[in-house]
Amino acid sequence: MKLTKIILAGLLSVVMIASLVACGGNDDNSSNASDDTSQVSQDDASEDDASEDDAE
């Protein structure tokens, strides 16, 4: 009976940890990542415009 309780407690703790890992998100980082990509796109566009001006 004691061994059954230990095994059950271990399995429950593994399930709880797995659910925390699966449901944990990076909401803060994902919003920052989209901002970074838009800035990179704008920077690339301005560099392309500058290179076209130099070519003329």
PDB file of N, CA and C in Angstrom:
ATOM      1  N   MET A   1       0.821  -1.194   0.000  1.00  0.00           N
ATOM      2  CA  MET A   1       0.000   0.000   0.000  1.00  0.00           C
ATOM      3  C   MET A   1       0.866   1.261   0.000  1.00  0.00           C
ATOM      4  N   LYS A   2       1.947   1.241   0.764  1.00  0.00           N
ATOM      5  CA  LYS A   2       2.824   2.396   0.828  1.00  0.00           C
ATOM      6  C   LYS A   2       3.501   2.635  -0.516  1.00  0.00           C
ATOM      7  N   LEU A   3       3.919   1.577  -1.178  1.00  0.00           N
ATOM      8  CA  LEU A   3       4.557   1.685  -2.492  1.00  0.00           C
ATOM      9  C   LEU A   3       3.580   2.250  -3.519  1.00  0.00           C
ATOM     10  N   THR A   4       2.324   1.875  -3.442  1.00  0.00           N
ATOM     11  CA  THR A   4       1.305   2.382  -4.356  1.00  0.00           C
ATOM     12  C   THR A   4       1.129   3.893  -4.185  1.00  0.00           C
ATOM     13  N   LYS A   5       1.130   4.369  -2.946  1.00  0.00           N
ATOM     14  CA  LYS A   5       0.996   5.797  -2.693  1.00  0.00           C
ATOM     15  C   LYS A   5       2.203   6.568  -3.237  1.00  0.00           C
ATOM     16  N   ILE A   6       3.387   6.014  -3.072  1.00  0.00           N
ATOM     17  CA  ILE A   6       4.598   6.670  -3.567  1.00  0.00           C
ATOM     18  C   ILE A   6       4.574   6.750  -5.088  1.00  0.00           C
ATOM     19  N   ILE A   7       4.191   5.666  -5.733  1.00  0.00           N
ATOM     20  CA  ILE A   7       4.125   5.651  -7.198  1.00  0.00           C
ATOM     21  C   ILE A   7       3.058   6.618  -7.689  1.00  0.00           C
ATOM     22  N   LEU A   8       1.909   6.632  -7.052  1.00  0.00           N
ATOM     23  CA  LEU A   8       0.827   7.538  -7.436  1.00  0.00           C
ATOM     24  C   LEU A   8       1.247   9.001  -7.253  1.00  0.00           C
ATOM     25  N   ALA A   9       1.910   9.307  -6.156  1.00  0.00           N
ATOM     26  CA  ALA A   9       2.374  10.678  -5.913  1.00  0.00           C
ATOM     27  C   ALA A   9       3.399  11.082  -6.967  1.00  0.00           C
ATOM     28  N   GLY A  10       4.271  10.179  -7.325  1.00  0.00           N
ATOM     29  CA  GLY A  10       5.268  10.460  -8.365  1.00  0.00           C
ATOM     30  C   GLY A  10       4.630  10.703  -9.715  1.00  0.00           C
ATOM     31  N   LEU A  11       3.674   9.875 -10.083  1.00  0.00           N
ATOM     32  CA  LEU A  11       2.989  10.044 -11.362  1.00  0.00           C
ATOM     33  C   LEU A  11       2.202  11.355 -11.409  1.00  0.00           C
ATOM     34  N   LEU A  12       1.527  11.684 -10.307  1.00  0.00           N
ATOM     35  CA  LEU A  12       0.780  12.942 -10.266  1.00  0.00           C
ATOM     36  C   LEU A  12       1.704  14.150 -10.386  1.00  0.00           C
ATOM     37  N   SER A  13       2.852  14.086  -9.758  1.00  0.00           N
ATOM     38  CA  SER A  13       3.783  15.212  -9.856  1.00  0.00           C
ATOM     39  C   SER A  13       4.328  15.346 -11.269  1.00  0.00           C
ATOM     40  N   VAL A  14       4.581  14.241 -11.942  1.00  0.00           N
ATOM     41  CA  VAL A  14       5.051  14.293 -13.326  1.00  0.00           C
ATOM     42  C   VAL A  14       3.977  14.883 -14.233  1.00  0.00           C
ATOM     43  N   VAL A  15       2.734  14.488 -14.014  1.00  0.00           N
ATOM     44  CA  VAL A  15       1.635  15.010 -14.824  1.00  0.00           C
ATOM     45  C   VAL A  15       1.455  16.517 -14.583  1.00  0.00           C
ATOM     46  N   MET A  16       1.551  16.941 -13.332  1.00  0.00           N
ATOM     47  CA  MET A  16       1.405  18.366 -13.039  1.00  0.00           C
ATOM     48  C   MET A  16       2.528  19.179 -13.662  1.00  0.00           C
ATOM     49  N   ILE A  17       3.747  18.701 -13.597  1.00  0.00           N
ATOM     50  CA  ILE A  17       4.880  19.405 -14.201  1.00  0.00           C
ATOM     51  C   ILE A  17       4.731  19.448 -15.712  1.00  0.00           C
ATOM     52  N   ALA A  18       4.306  18.344 -16.300  1.00  0.00           N
ATOM     53  CA  ALA A  18       4.118  18.310 -17.758  1.00  0.00           C
ATOM     54  C   ALA A  18       3.036  19.292 -18.195  1.00  0.00           C
ATOM     55  N   SER A  19       1.964  19.413 -17.417  1.00  0.00           N
ATOM     56  CA  SER A  19       0.906  20.355 -17.787  1.00  0.00           C
ATOM     57  C   SER A  19       1.382  21.796 -17.656  1.00  0.00           C
ATOM     58  N   LEU A  20       2.200  22.095 -16.666  1.00  0.00           N
ATOM     59  CA  LEU A  20       2.746  23.446 -16.534  1.00  0.00           C
ATOM     60  C   LEU A  20       3.668  23.790 -17.700  1.00  0.00           C
ATOM     61  N   VAL A  21       4.469  22.836 -18.107  1.00  0.00           N
ATOM     62  CA  VAL A  21       5.384  23.068 -19.229  1.00  0.00           C
ATOM     63  C   VAL A  21       4.598  23.254 -20.522  1.00  0.00           C
ATOM     64  N   ALA A  22       3.572  22.445 -20.715  1.00  0.00           N
ATOM     65  CA  ALA A  22       2.794  22.512 -21.954  1.00  0.00           C
ATOM     66  C   ALA A  22       1.964  23.782 -22.037  1.00  0.00           C
ATOM     67  N   CYS A  23       1.448  24.243 -20.921  1.00  0.00           N
ATOM     68  CA  CYS A  23       0.581  25.423 -20.933  1.00  0.00           C
ATOM     69  C   CYS A  23       1.344  26.719 -20.748  1.00  0.00           C
ATOM     70  N   GLY A  24       2.586  26.630 -20.370  1.00  0.00           N
ATOM     71  CA  GLY A  24       3.374  27.839 -20.191  1.00  0.00           C
ATOM     72  C   GLY A  24       3.647  28.481 -21.531  1.00  0.00           C
ATOM     73  N   GLY A  25       3.531  29.798 -21.591  1.00  0.00           N
ATOM     74  CA  GLY A  25       3.736  30.484 -22.850  1.00  0.00           C
ATOM     75  C   GLY A  25       4.723  31.609 -22.723  1.00  0.00           C
ATOM     76  N   ASN A  26       5.150  32.096 -23.867  1.00  0.00           N
ATOM     77  CA  ASN A  26       6.036  33.241 -23.917  1.00  0.00           C
ATOM     78  C   ASN A  26       5.286  34.396 -24.540  1.00  0.00           C
ATOM     79  N   ASP A  27       4.192  34.809 -23.913  1.00  0.00           N
ATOM     80  CA  ASP A  27       3.365  35.870 -24.473  1.00  0.00           C
ATOM     81  C   ASP A  27       4.130  37.181 -24.567  1.00  0.00           C
ATOM     82  N   ASP A  28       4.923  37.492 -23.560  1.00  0.00           N
ATOM     83  CA  ASP A  28       5.664  38.756 -23.570  1.00  0.00           C
ATOM     84  C   ASP A  28       6.697  38.771 -24.683  1.00  0.00           C
ATOM     85  N   ASN A  29       7.390  37.676 -24.877  1.00  0.00           N
ATOM     86  CA  ASN A  29       8.429  37.626 -25.906  1.00  0.00           C
ATOM     87  C   ASN A  29       7.848  37.611 -27.306  1.00  0.00           C
ATOM     88  N   SER A  30       6.686  37.008 -27.482  1.00  0.00           N
ATOM     89  CA  SER A  30       6.120  36.935 -28.827  1.00  0.00           C
ATOM     90  C   SER A  30       5.676  38.303 -29.304  1.00  0.00           C
ATOM     91  N   SER A  31       5.169  39.156 -28.410  1.00  0.00           N
ATOM     92  CA  SER A  31       4.768  40.498 -28.821  1.00  0.00           C
ATOM     93  C   SER A  31       5.992  41.336 -29.162  1.00  0.00           C
ATOM     94  N   ASN A  32       7.082  41.129 -28.433  1.00  0.00           N
ATOM     95  CA  ASN A  32       8.311  41.860 -28.731  1.00  0.00           C
ATOM     96  C   ASN A  32       8.932  41.382 -30.025  1.00  0.00           C
ATOM     97  N   ALA A  33       8.794  40.100 -30.305  1.00  0.00           N
ATOM     98  CA  ALA A  33       9.382  39.558 -31.530  1.00  0.00           C
ATOM     99  C   ALA A  33       8.707  40.139 -32.760  1.00  0.00           C
ATOM    100  N   SER A  34       7.396  40.343 -32.718  1.00  0.00           N
ATOM    101  CA  SER A  34       6.711  40.919 -33.869  1.00  0.00           C
ATOM    102  C   SER A  34       7.127  42.371 -34.063  1.00  0.00           C
ATOM    103  N   ASP A  35       7.377  43.085 -32.967  1.00  0.00           N
ATOM    104  CA  ASP A  35       7.845  44.464 -33.082  1.00  0.00           C
ATOM    105  C   ASP A  35       9.236  44.500 -33.699  1.00  0.00           C
ATOM    106  N   ASP A  36      10.083  43.561 -33.300  1.00  0.00           N
ATOM    107  CA  ASP A  36      11.442  43.520 -33.835  1.00  0.00           C
ATOM    108  C   ASP A  36      11.443  43.241 -35.322  1.00  0.00           C
ATOM    109  N   THR A  37      10.578  42.353 -35.773  1.00  0.00           N
ATOM    110  CA  THR A  37      10.568  42.018 -37.199  1.00  0.00           C
ATOM    111  C   THR A  37      10.062  43.185 -38.022  1.00  0.00           C
ATOM    112  N   SER A  38       9.124  43.960 -37.505  1.00  0.00           N
ATOM    113  CA  SER A  38       8.642  45.109 -38.261  1.00  0.00           C
ATOM    114  C   SER A  38       9.726  46.170 -38.350  1.00  0.00           C
ATOM    115  N   GLN A  39      10.529  46.309 -37.298  1.00  0.00           N
ATOM    116  CA  GLN A  39      11.621  47.271 -37.342  1.00  0.00           C
ATOM    117  C   GLN A  39      12.678  46.829 -38.332  1.00  0.00           C
ATOM    118  N   VAL A  40      12.965  45.543 -38.372  1.00  0.00           N
ATOM    119  CA  VAL A  40      13.949  45.036 -39.322  1.00  0.00           C
ATOM    120  C   VAL A  40      13.461  45.251 -40.739  1.00  0.00           C
ATOM    121  N   SER A  41      12.181  45.014 -40.985  1.00  0.00           N
ATOM    122  CA  SER A  41      11.633  45.208 -42.324  1.00  0.00           C
ATOM    123  C   SER A  41      11.741  46.660 -42.743  1.00  0.00           C
ATOM    124  N   GLN A  42      11.470  47.569 -41.843  1.00  0.00           N
ATOM    125  CA  GLN A  42      11.570  48.986 -42.161  1.00  0.00           C
ATOM    126  C   GLN A  42      13.020  49.377 -42.402  1.00  0.00           C
ATOM    127  N   ASP A  43      13.933  48.837 -41.607  1.00  0.00           N
ATOM    128  CA  ASP A  43      15.349  49.135 -41.791  1.00  0.00           C
ATOM    129  C   ASP A  43      15.832  48.624 -43.136  1.00  0.00           C
ATOM    130  N   ASP A  44      15.408  47.418 -43.505  1.00  0.00           N
ATOM    131  CA  ASP A  44      15.803  46.850 -44.789  1.00  0.00           C
ATOM    132  C   ASP A  44      15.268  47.701 -45.935  1.00  0.00           C
ATOM    133  N   ALA A  45      14.038  48.175 -45.794  1.00  0.00           N
ATOM    134  CA  ALA A  45      13.443  48.992 -46.846  1.00  0.00           C
ATOM    135  C   ALA A  45      14.197  50.305 -46.996  1.00  0.00           C
ATOM    136  N   SER A  46      14.582  50.920 -45.895  1.00  0.00           N
ATOM    137  CA  SER A  46      15.313  52.186 -45.987  1.00  0.00           C
ATOM    138  C   SER A  46      16.701  51.962 -46.572  1.00  0.00           C
ATOM    139  N   GLU A  47      17.335  50.836 -46.272  1.00  0.00           N
ATOM    140  CA  GLU A  47      18.650  50.537 -46.863  1.00  0.00           C
ATOM    141  C   GLU A  47      18.508  50.308 -48.358  1.00  0.00           C
ATOM    142  N   ASP A  48      17.428  49.653 -48.784  1.00  0.00           N
ATOM    143  CA  ASP A  48      17.222  49.434 -50.210  1.00  0.00           C
ATOM    144  C   ASP A  48      17.017  50.765 -50.923  1.00  0.00           C
ATOM    145  N   ASP A  49      16.279  51.678 -50.306  1.00  0.00           N
ATOM    146  CA  ASP A  49      16.064  52.985 -50.897  1.00  0.00           C
ATOM    147  C   ASP A  49      17.383  53.754 -51.014  1.00  0.00           C
ATOM    148  N   ALA A  50      18.218  53.640 -49.999  1.00  0.00           N
ATOM    149  CA  ALA A  50      19.496  54.326 -50.007  1.00  0.00           C
ATOM    150  C   ALA A  50      20.393  53.762 -51.098  1.00  0.00           C
ATOM    151  N   SER A  51      20.390  52.464 -51.295  1.00  0.00           N
ATOM    152  CA  SER A  51      21.241  51.866 -52.318  1.00  0.00           C
ATOM    153  C   SER A  51      20.752  52.232 -53.709  1.00  0.00           C
ATOM    154  N   GLU A  52      19.452  52.390 -53.884  1.00  0.00           N
ATOM    155  CA  GLU A  52      18.911  52.817 -55.183  1.00  0.00           C
ATOM    156  C   GLU A  52      19.306  54.259 -55.478  1.00  0.00           C
ATOM    157  N   ASP A  53      19.324  55.105 -54.435  1.00  0.00           N
ATOM    158  CA  ASP A  53      19.727  56.491 -54.615  1.00  0.00           C
ATOM    159  C   ASP A  53      21.198  56.568 -55.025  1.00  0.00           C
ATOM    160  N   ASP A  54      22.026  55.702 -54.440  1.00  0.00           N
ATOM    161  CA  ASP A  54      23.442  55.694 -54.780  1.00  0.00           C
ATOM    162  C   ASP A  54      23.665  55.235 -56.208  1.00  0.00           C
ATOM    163  N   ALA A  55      22.816  54.319 -56.668  1.00  0.00           N
ATOM    164  CA  ALA A  55      22.987  53.759 -58.010  1.00  0.00           C
ATOM    165  C   ALA A  55      22.651  54.784 -59.080  1.00  0.00           C
ATOM    166  N   GLU A  56      21.796  55.739 -58.751  1.00  0.00           N
ATOM    167  CA  GLU A  56      21.387  56.735 -59.745  1.00  0.00           C
ATOM    168  C   GLU A  56      22.426  57.747 -59.876  1.00  0.00           C
TER     169      GLU A  56
END
